[in-house]
Amino acid sequence: MGGSRPRLKKKEPVAGTKRELVIIARPAVTLEQVKSDPRKRNLLLVLQALEKMKGIYERSLAHLLYWLKTEKGIDLGYDFYLVGDTPTSKQLREDVVALLYVGLAETDPVTKKLRITNDGKEFLKTVGFDEELYRKLEEAIEELKPKLTTIEAQIELTTMLMRPGAPRRRRQGRGP
């Protein structure tokens, strides 16, 4: 009964199949950093100006800031690149995450829309903001509202259709 057992050889991964987890350390954002960053403060100001709309989808926000820059001449410091017809900005995404992290903005749990929090409103009052810019933003947003509502409706429709249990279009079957 002293039979020898075959030694198991550890399998080496085939070239190109080995996966490595790369962790990138990023420092936490503080209210002081938001206070000293005009781009983040201006983004908060835009969310304040959008308060009547009860929030905005992040994708719609990218469209809005792109239109403010290209059509209204209000540059809030974001660089955009177009993917198809959709403006995208890495800086905007990072700033939204930062505002969410420090609690100045929140995502509505039901609608998933981004909105300013009471802390965000207090922050703007405390830090102060450019009232002329705020008036320009309100005016421009009012003019862009029809285009913005169209984008919001498209997002809501696709979101609704993607939900589990959403009605699906039936295929045209072949007759009996």
Foldseek 3Di string as FASTA:
>chain_A
DPDDDDDDDDDDDDPPPDDDDDDDDDDAAELVNCLVDQLLLVLLLLLVLCVVVVFAALQLVQVLQVCCVPPVVDHSPFDWDDDPNGTDTPVSVVSLVNCVRHQQWHQPPPLRGIHGDPVVVVSCVVSDDDVVVSVSSNVSCVVCVVVSVVVRVVVVVVVQCPDPPRDDDDDDDDDD
